[in-house]
Amino acid sequence: MTRALFIDTSHWEGVINPTPLIARGINLAIFKLTESTWYIDDKFIINATAWLRAGGQVGAYHFFRPGQDCLRQAAFFLDVLEGTGLQKEISLVMNDMEVTDGVSPATRIPAWVERWNVAVMEETKLPLWLYSAKWFFDQMKTALTPLLKYDLVTASYYWDSKNPFDQ
């Protein structure tokens, strides 16, 4: 198992100051861009632009919703990415799968994730990572096995009394 040092953030973390993080060796940041077919993260452009200006690499991620059409989600992600004007600066894309949205049986989800992955990779020609919370991956491990051909990222949350994004 290889461990990569990077951050992934969304609107929940606000505006990120990349300088101290890059100085600490965190050169890659993956920012949330979209969710489902309707949500655009309002912090993506400001954070991705700042990270690139500071000399870091940037990835964009989509929060996958199994209850919504996978190809419409892929088209939405691609349209929004193009609209940022940063698509040529992005180093990788990531598909964040952490929910079932009540889809039953949940074993149908990997095929939909795969369709999203293929559509996005064909269009962007970028490496694709899958992201999942460890608890979700453990719960869905058997169903997710066909997706293990992709690099899988599971969260390792770090938190102390100081927010590392403010340092």
Foldseek 3Di string as FASTA:
>chain_A
DDDAAEEEEACVVPAFQCQVVVVVVHQEYEYEAEEAQDDGGPRVLRRCVNSVVNPGAYEYEYEYAQVHQLVSSLVSSVVSCVVSVCLVRHQEYEYEYEDQNPDPPSLVVQVSVVVSVVSNCVVSVHAYEYEYAPVRCVVCVVSCVVVVVHHYHYDDDDDDPDDVRVD
